[in-house]
Amino acid sequence: MRLNEVIYNDAKPVEGYGPGFFRIGGEVFEGAVLTGADGTHAWGGYDALDVLLALSGKVDVLFIGTGAEIAHIPAGLRSELEEAGVGVEVMASPAAARTYNVLLSEGRRIALAMLPV
């Protein structure tokens, strides 16, 4: 078996999470977060549409983690992101973090917005 070291470009992987926090690139972030090639910052949740729309042209897919369980996001949020050319994939935050890490290791143009578990 051959093991390859995974090298992440500018974006940092999600290393862990727990009640109310995420560990990304060695740092702990409380509450909802947005992470990708532009760094990791606090995210204001579904109402913070402007920061998500700023991803247009920078990412192909935005993964949205809805917390501990999968849930629907507001229809208007999805519509505005898709109209701006940002693909949207919605799943529970743990699954979104795992998927993000896999695609990040492949060098894909992605971002991740997550609500805490």
N, C-alpha and C. Protein backbone atom coordinates (compact mmCIF):
# COMPACT_ATOMS: atom_id res chain seq x y z
N MET A 1 0.84 -1.17 0.00
CA MET A 1 0.00 0.00 0.00
C MET A 1 0.89 1.23 0.00
N ARG A 2 0.53 2.18 -0.85
CA ARG A 2 1.29 3.42 -0.92
C ARG A 2 0.48 4.54 -0.28
N LEU A 3 1.10 5.29 0.61
CA LEU A 3 0.46 6.43 1.25
C LEU A 3 1.04 7.71 0.68
N ASN A 4 0.17 8.64 0.37
CA ASN A 4 0.61 9.93 -0.14
C ASN A 4 0.27 11.01 0.86
N GLU A 5 1.21 11.92 1.05
CA GLU A 5 0.94 13.06 1.93
C GLU A 5 -0.01 14.02 1.22
N VAL A 6 -1.02 14.47 1.94
CA VAL A 6 -1.97 15.40 1.38
C VAL A 6 -1.48 16.81 1.66
N ILE A 7 -1.37 17.62 0.61
CA ILE A 7 -0.94 19.00 0.75
C ILE A 7 -2.11 19.90 0.38
N TYR A 8 -2.53 20.73 1.32
CA TYR A 8 -3.64 21.66 1.07
C TYR A 8 -3.02 22.98 0.64
N ASN A 9 -3.54 23.57 -0.42
CA ASN A 9 -3.01 24.82 -0.92
C ASN A 9 -3.28 25.94 0.08
N ASP A 10 -4.08 26.91 -0.26
CA ASP A 10 -4.35 28.04 0.63
C ASP A 10 -5.40 27.72 1.69
N ALA A 11 -6.31 26.84 1.39
CA ALA A 11 -7.38 26.51 2.32
C ALA A 11 -6.88 25.50 3.35
N LYS A 12 -7.51 25.51 4.51
CA LYS A 12 -7.14 24.61 5.61
C LYS A 12 -8.24 23.56 5.81
N PRO A 13 -7.87 22.33 6.16
CA PRO A 13 -8.87 21.29 6.39
C PRO A 13 -9.56 21.45 7.75
N VAL A 14 -10.74 20.87 7.84
CA VAL A 14 -11.45 20.79 9.11
C VAL A 14 -10.86 19.60 9.85
N GLU A 15 -10.32 19.86 11.03
CA GLU A 15 -9.65 18.81 11.80
C GLU A 15 -10.52 18.22 12.89
N GLY A 16 -11.55 18.93 13.28
CA GLY A 16 -12.41 18.43 14.34
C GLY A 16 -13.55 19.38 14.60
N TYR A 17 -14.52 18.92 15.39
CA TYR A 17 -15.66 19.74 15.76
C TYR A 17 -16.27 19.17 17.02
N GLY A 18 -17.06 19.97 17.67
CA GLY A 18 -17.76 19.54 18.88
C GLY A 18 -18.90 20.50 19.14
N PRO A 19 -19.52 20.39 20.29
CA PRO A 19 -20.66 21.26 20.59
C PRO A 19 -20.27 22.75 20.52
N GLY A 20 -20.67 23.42 19.47
CA GLY A 20 -20.45 24.85 19.35
C GLY A 20 -19.12 25.31 18.78
N PHE A 21 -18.25 24.38 18.35
CA PHE A 21 -16.95 24.82 17.82
C PHE A 21 -16.48 23.93 16.68
N PHE A 22 -15.50 24.47 15.93
CA PHE A 22 -14.81 23.74 14.86
C PHE A 22 -13.32 23.99 15.02
N ARG A 23 -12.50 23.00 14.72
CA ARG A 23 -11.05 23.17 14.67
C ARG A 23 -10.63 23.08 13.21
N ILE A 24 -10.11 24.18 12.68
CA ILE A 24 -9.76 24.27 11.27
C ILE A 24 -8.34 24.80 11.16
N GLY A 25 -7.47 24.04 10.52
CA GLY A 25 -6.09 24.47 10.34
C GLY A 25 -5.38 24.75 11.64
N GLY A 26 -5.70 24.01 12.69
CA GLY A 26 -5.03 24.17 13.97
C GLY A 26 -5.62 25.23 14.88
N GLU A 27 -6.65 25.96 14.42
CA GLU A 27 -7.29 26.98 15.24
C GLU A 27 -8.70 26.57 15.58
N VAL A 28 -9.17 27.01 16.75
CA VAL A 28 -10.53 26.72 17.18
C VAL A 28 -11.40 27.94 16.90
N PHE A 29 -12.55 27.70 16.29
CA PHE A 29 -13.52 28.75 15.96
C PHE A 29 -14.83 28.41 16.63
N GLU A 30 -15.37 29.35 17.38
CA GLU A 30 -16.66 29.17 18.06
C GLU A 30 -17.79 29.59 17.13
N GLY A 31 -18.87 28.86 17.13
CA GLY A 31 -20.04 29.23 16.35
C GLY A 31 -19.92 28.86 14.88
N ALA A 32 -20.76 29.49 14.07
CA ALA A 32 -20.80 29.21 12.63
C ALA A 32 -19.55 29.76 11.94
N VAL A 33 -19.04 29.02 10.95
CA VAL A 33 -17.82 29.43 10.25
C VAL A 33 -17.98 29.31 8.74
N LEU A 34 -17.16 30.09 8.05
CA LEU A 34 -17.01 30.01 6.61
C LEU A 34 -15.53 29.82 6.34
N THR A 35 -15.18 28.78 5.58
CA THR A 35 -13.78 28.52 5.31
C THR A 35 -13.57 28.16 3.85
N GLY A 36 -12.39 28.49 3.36
CA GLY A 36 -12.03 28.22 1.98
C GLY A 36 -10.67 28.83 1.70
N ALA A 37 -10.37 29.06 0.45
CA ALA A 37 -9.05 29.58 0.06
C ALA A 37 -8.79 30.99 0.60
N ASP A 38 -9.85 31.75 0.91
CA ASP A 38 -9.68 33.10 1.46
C ASP A 38 -9.50 33.11 2.97
N GLY A 39 -9.43 31.94 3.58
CA GLY A 39 -9.26 31.86 5.04
C GLY A 39 -10.52 31.40 5.73
N THR A 40 -10.49 31.45 7.04
CA THR A 40 -11.61 31.01 7.87
C THR A 40 -12.07 32.18 8.73
N HIS A 41 -13.38 32.42 8.75
CA HIS A 41 -13.93 33.51 9.55
C HIS A 41 -15.27 33.07 10.13
N ALA A 42 -15.70 33.86 11.11
CA ALA A 42 -17.05 33.65 11.64
C ALA A 42 -18.05 33.91 10.52
N TRP A 43 -19.14 33.18 10.55
CA TRP A 43 -20.18 33.32 9.54
C TRP A 43 -21.48 33.65 10.26
N GLY A 44 -22.23 34.60 9.76
CA GLY A 44 -23.47 35.04 10.39
C GLY A 44 -24.67 34.17 10.12
N GLY A 45 -24.48 33.00 9.55
CA GLY A 45 -25.59 32.10 9.26
C GLY A 45 -26.29 32.46 7.96
N TYR A 46 -27.48 31.96 7.80
CA TYR A 46 -28.20 32.10 6.54
C TYR A 46 -28.47 33.55 6.15
N ASP A 47 -28.49 34.45 7.12
CA ASP A 47 -28.74 35.87 6.82
C ASP A 47 -27.51 36.58 6.26
N ALA A 48 -26.35 35.98 6.36
CA ALA A 48 -25.10 36.59 5.88
C ALA A 48 -24.86 36.20 4.43
N LEU A 49 -25.78 36.56 3.58
CA LEU A 49 -25.73 36.19 2.16
C LEU A 49 -24.59 36.87 1.43
N ASP A 50 -24.27 38.11 1.80
CA ASP A 50 -23.25 38.88 1.08
C ASP A 50 -21.90 38.19 1.05
N VAL A 51 -21.49 37.59 2.17
CA VAL A 51 -20.18 36.91 2.18
C VAL A 51 -20.19 35.66 1.32
N LEU A 52 -21.35 35.02 1.22
CA LEU A 52 -21.46 33.83 0.37
C LEU A 52 -21.47 34.22 -1.10
N LEU A 53 -22.16 35.31 -1.43
CA LEU A 53 -22.19 35.78 -2.82
C LEU A 53 -20.81 36.24 -3.28
N ALA A 54 -19.97 36.68 -2.35
CA ALA A 54 -18.60 37.10 -2.69
C ALA A 54 -17.76 35.93 -3.19
N LEU A 55 -18.24 34.70 -2.99
CA LEU A 55 -17.52 33.51 -3.46
C LEU A 55 -17.70 33.28 -4.95
N SER A 56 -18.64 33.99 -5.57
CA SER A 56 -18.91 33.83 -6.99
C SER A 56 -17.64 34.06 -7.80
N GLY A 57 -17.34 33.11 -8.68
CA GLY A 57 -16.13 33.18 -9.50
C GLY A 57 -14.90 32.62 -8.82
N LYS A 58 -14.96 32.43 -7.50
CA LYS A 58 -13.82 31.89 -6.76
C LYS A 58 -13.96 30.40 -6.47
N VAL A 59 -15.22 29.94 -6.34
CA VAL A 59 -15.47 28.53 -6.05
C VAL A 59 -16.50 27.97 -7.01
N ASP A 60 -16.43 26.67 -7.19
CA ASP A 60 -17.42 25.99 -8.02
C ASP A 60 -18.58 25.48 -7.16
N VAL A 61 -18.24 25.06 -5.93
CA VAL A 61 -19.26 24.50 -5.04
C VAL A 61 -19.06 25.03 -3.63
N LEU A 62 -20.18 25.41 -3.01
CA LEU A 62 -20.21 25.78 -1.61
C LEU A 62 -20.96 24.69 -0.87
N PHE A 63 -20.31 24.09 0.11
CA PHE A 63 -20.96 23.11 0.97
C PHE A 63 -21.53 23.86 2.15
N ILE A 64 -22.79 23.62 2.45
CA ILE A 64 -23.42 24.25 3.61
C ILE A 64 -23.78 23.16 4.60
N GLY A 65 -23.16 23.25 5.78
CA GLY A 65 -23.44 22.32 6.87
C GLY A 65 -24.53 22.90 7.74
N THR A 66 -25.61 22.16 7.93
CA THR A 66 -26.79 22.66 8.62
C THR A 66 -26.83 22.29 10.10
N GLY A 67 -25.71 21.93 10.69
CA GLY A 67 -25.67 21.54 12.09
C GLY A 67 -25.62 20.03 12.23
N ALA A 68 -26.12 19.54 13.35
CA ALA A 68 -26.04 18.10 13.64
C ALA A 68 -26.87 17.26 12.69
N GLU A 69 -27.96 17.80 12.20
CA GLU A 69 -28.86 17.08 11.29
C GLU A 69 -29.00 17.84 9.99
N ILE A 70 -29.26 17.12 8.91
CA ILE A 70 -29.50 17.78 7.63
C ILE A 70 -30.85 18.50 7.70
N ALA A 71 -30.88 19.68 7.10
CA ALA A 71 -32.10 20.49 7.09
C ALA A 71 -32.12 21.29 5.79
N HIS A 72 -33.28 21.77 5.43
CA HIS A 72 -33.40 22.62 4.25
C HIS A 72 -32.85 24.00 4.57
N ILE A 73 -32.19 24.61 3.58
CA ILE A 73 -31.79 26.01 3.72
C ILE A 73 -32.89 26.87 3.11
N PRO A 74 -32.94 28.15 3.44
CA PRO A 74 -33.98 29.00 2.82
C PRO A 74 -33.89 28.96 1.30
N ALA A 75 -35.04 28.83 0.65
CA ALA A 75 -35.08 28.72 -0.81
C ALA A 75 -34.46 29.93 -1.49
N GLY A 76 -34.66 31.10 -0.94
CA GLY A 76 -34.08 32.32 -1.51
C GLY A 76 -32.56 32.31 -1.47
N LEU A 77 -31.99 31.74 -0.42
CA LEU A 77 -30.54 31.63 -0.30
C LEU A 77 -29.98 30.76 -1.41
N ARG A 78 -30.58 29.60 -1.60
CA ARG A 78 -30.13 28.70 -2.66
C ARG A 78 -30.27 29.37 -4.03
N SER A 79 -31.39 30.00 -4.28
CA SER A 79 -31.64 30.63 -5.58
C SER A 79 -30.62 31.71 -5.88
N GLU A 80 -30.35 32.58 -4.91
CA GLU A 80 -29.41 33.66 -5.15
C GLU A 80 -27.99 33.15 -5.38
N LEU A 81 -27.58 32.13 -4.64
CA LEU A 81 -26.25 31.56 -4.85
C LEU A 81 -26.14 30.92 -6.23
N GLU A 82 -27.14 30.14 -6.62
CA GLU A 82 -27.09 29.48 -7.92
C GLU A 82 -27.14 30.50 -9.06
N GLU A 83 -27.91 31.57 -8.91
CA GLU A 83 -27.95 32.62 -9.92
C GLU A 83 -26.59 33.32 -10.05
N ALA A 84 -25.84 33.36 -8.96
CA ALA A 84 -24.51 33.97 -8.97
C ALA A 84 -23.44 33.00 -9.49
N GLY A 85 -23.85 31.77 -9.81
CA GLY A 85 -22.90 30.79 -10.34
C GLY A 85 -22.19 29.95 -9.31
N VAL A 86 -22.72 29.95 -8.09
CA VAL A 86 -22.13 29.14 -7.02
C VAL A 86 -23.00 27.90 -6.82
N GLY A 87 -22.43 26.72 -7.06
CA GLY A 87 -23.15 25.49 -6.80
C GLY A 87 -23.31 25.30 -5.31
N VAL A 88 -24.42 24.73 -4.89
CA VAL A 88 -24.73 24.57 -3.46
C VAL A 88 -25.01 23.11 -3.16
N GLU A 89 -24.33 22.58 -2.16
CA GLU A 89 -24.61 21.23 -1.66
C GLU A 89 -24.87 21.35 -0.17
N VAL A 90 -26.02 20.86 0.27
CA VAL A 90 -26.44 20.98 1.66
C VAL A 90 -26.40 19.62 2.32
N MET A 91 -25.82 19.56 3.52
CA MET A 91 -25.77 18.32 4.30
C MET A 91 -25.52 18.67 5.76
N ALA A 92 -25.60 17.71 6.63
CA ALA A 92 -25.27 17.94 8.04
C ALA A 92 -23.80 18.39 8.13
N SER A 93 -23.49 19.20 9.13
CA SER A 93 -22.13 19.75 9.24
C SER A 93 -21.03 18.69 9.29
N PRO A 94 -21.18 17.59 10.04
CA PRO A 94 -20.11 16.58 10.03
C PRO A 94 -19.85 16.01 8.63
N ALA A 95 -20.90 15.70 7.89
CA ALA A 95 -20.75 15.17 6.53
C ALA A 95 -20.16 16.24 5.61
N ALA A 96 -20.60 17.49 5.78
CA ALA A 96 -20.07 18.57 4.95
C ALA A 96 -18.56 18.75 5.19
N ALA A 97 -18.13 18.65 6.44
CA ALA A 97 -16.71 18.79 6.76
C ALA A 97 -15.89 17.67 6.12
N ARG A 98 -16.38 16.45 6.21
CA ARG A 98 -15.66 15.32 5.61
C ARG A 98 -15.58 15.46 4.09
N THR A 99 -16.69 15.82 3.45
CA THR A 99 -16.71 15.98 2.00
C THR A 99 -15.78 17.11 1.58
N TYR A 100 -15.83 18.21 2.29
CA TYR A 100 -14.96 19.35 2.02
C TYR A 100 -13.49 18.92 2.08
N ASN A 101 -13.10 18.19 3.11
CA ASN A 101 -11.71 17.76 3.25
C ASN A 101 -11.26 16.89 2.08
N VAL A 102 -12.11 15.97 1.65
CA VAL A 102 -11.76 15.08 0.54
C VAL A 102 -11.55 15.90 -0.73
N LEU A 103 -12.51 16.77 -1.05
CA LEU A 103 -12.41 17.55 -2.28
C LEU A 103 -11.30 18.59 -2.20
N LEU A 104 -11.04 19.10 -1.01
CA LEU A 104 -9.94 20.05 -0.82
C LEU A 104 -8.61 19.36 -1.11
N SER A 105 -8.46 18.13 -0.69
CA SER A 105 -7.22 17.39 -0.93
C SER A 105 -7.00 17.10 -2.41
N GLU A 106 -8.09 17.16 -3.19
CA GLU A 106 -8.00 16.95 -4.64
C GLU A 106 -7.75 18.26 -5.38
N GLY A 107 -7.65 19.37 -4.64
CA GLY A 107 -7.37 20.66 -5.25
C GLY A 107 -8.58 21.34 -5.86
N ARG A 108 -9.76 20.96 -5.46
CA ARG A 108 -10.98 21.55 -6.02
C ARG A 108 -11.20 22.96 -5.50
N ARG A 109 -11.95 23.75 -6.27
CA ARG A 109 -12.31 25.13 -5.89
C ARG A 109 -13.62 25.08 -5.10
N ILE A 110 -13.49 24.98 -3.78
CA ILE A 110 -14.67 24.80 -2.92
C ILE A 110 -14.56 25.70 -1.70
N ALA A 111 -15.69 25.86 -1.04
CA ALA A 111 -15.76 26.55 0.26
C ALA A 111 -16.77 25.82 1.12
N LEU A 112 -16.73 26.12 2.40
CA LEU A 112 -17.59 25.44 3.36
C LEU A 112 -18.13 26.43 4.37
N ALA A 113 -19.45 26.48 4.49
CA ALA A 113 -20.12 27.28 5.52
C ALA A 113 -20.85 26.30 6.43
N MET A 114 -20.59 26.39 7.73
CA MET A 114 -21.18 25.40 8.65
C MET A 114 -21.78 26.06 9.88
N LEU A 115 -22.93 25.53 10.26
CA LEU A 115 -23.51 25.84 11.55
C LEU A 115 -22.99 24.81 12.53
N PRO A 116 -22.79 25.18 13.79
CA PRO A 116 -22.23 24.22 14.75
C PRO A 116 -23.20 23.09 15.08
N VAL A 117 -22.63 21.99 15.54
CA VAL A 117 -23.42 20.83 15.96
C VAL A 117 -23.84 21.02 17.40
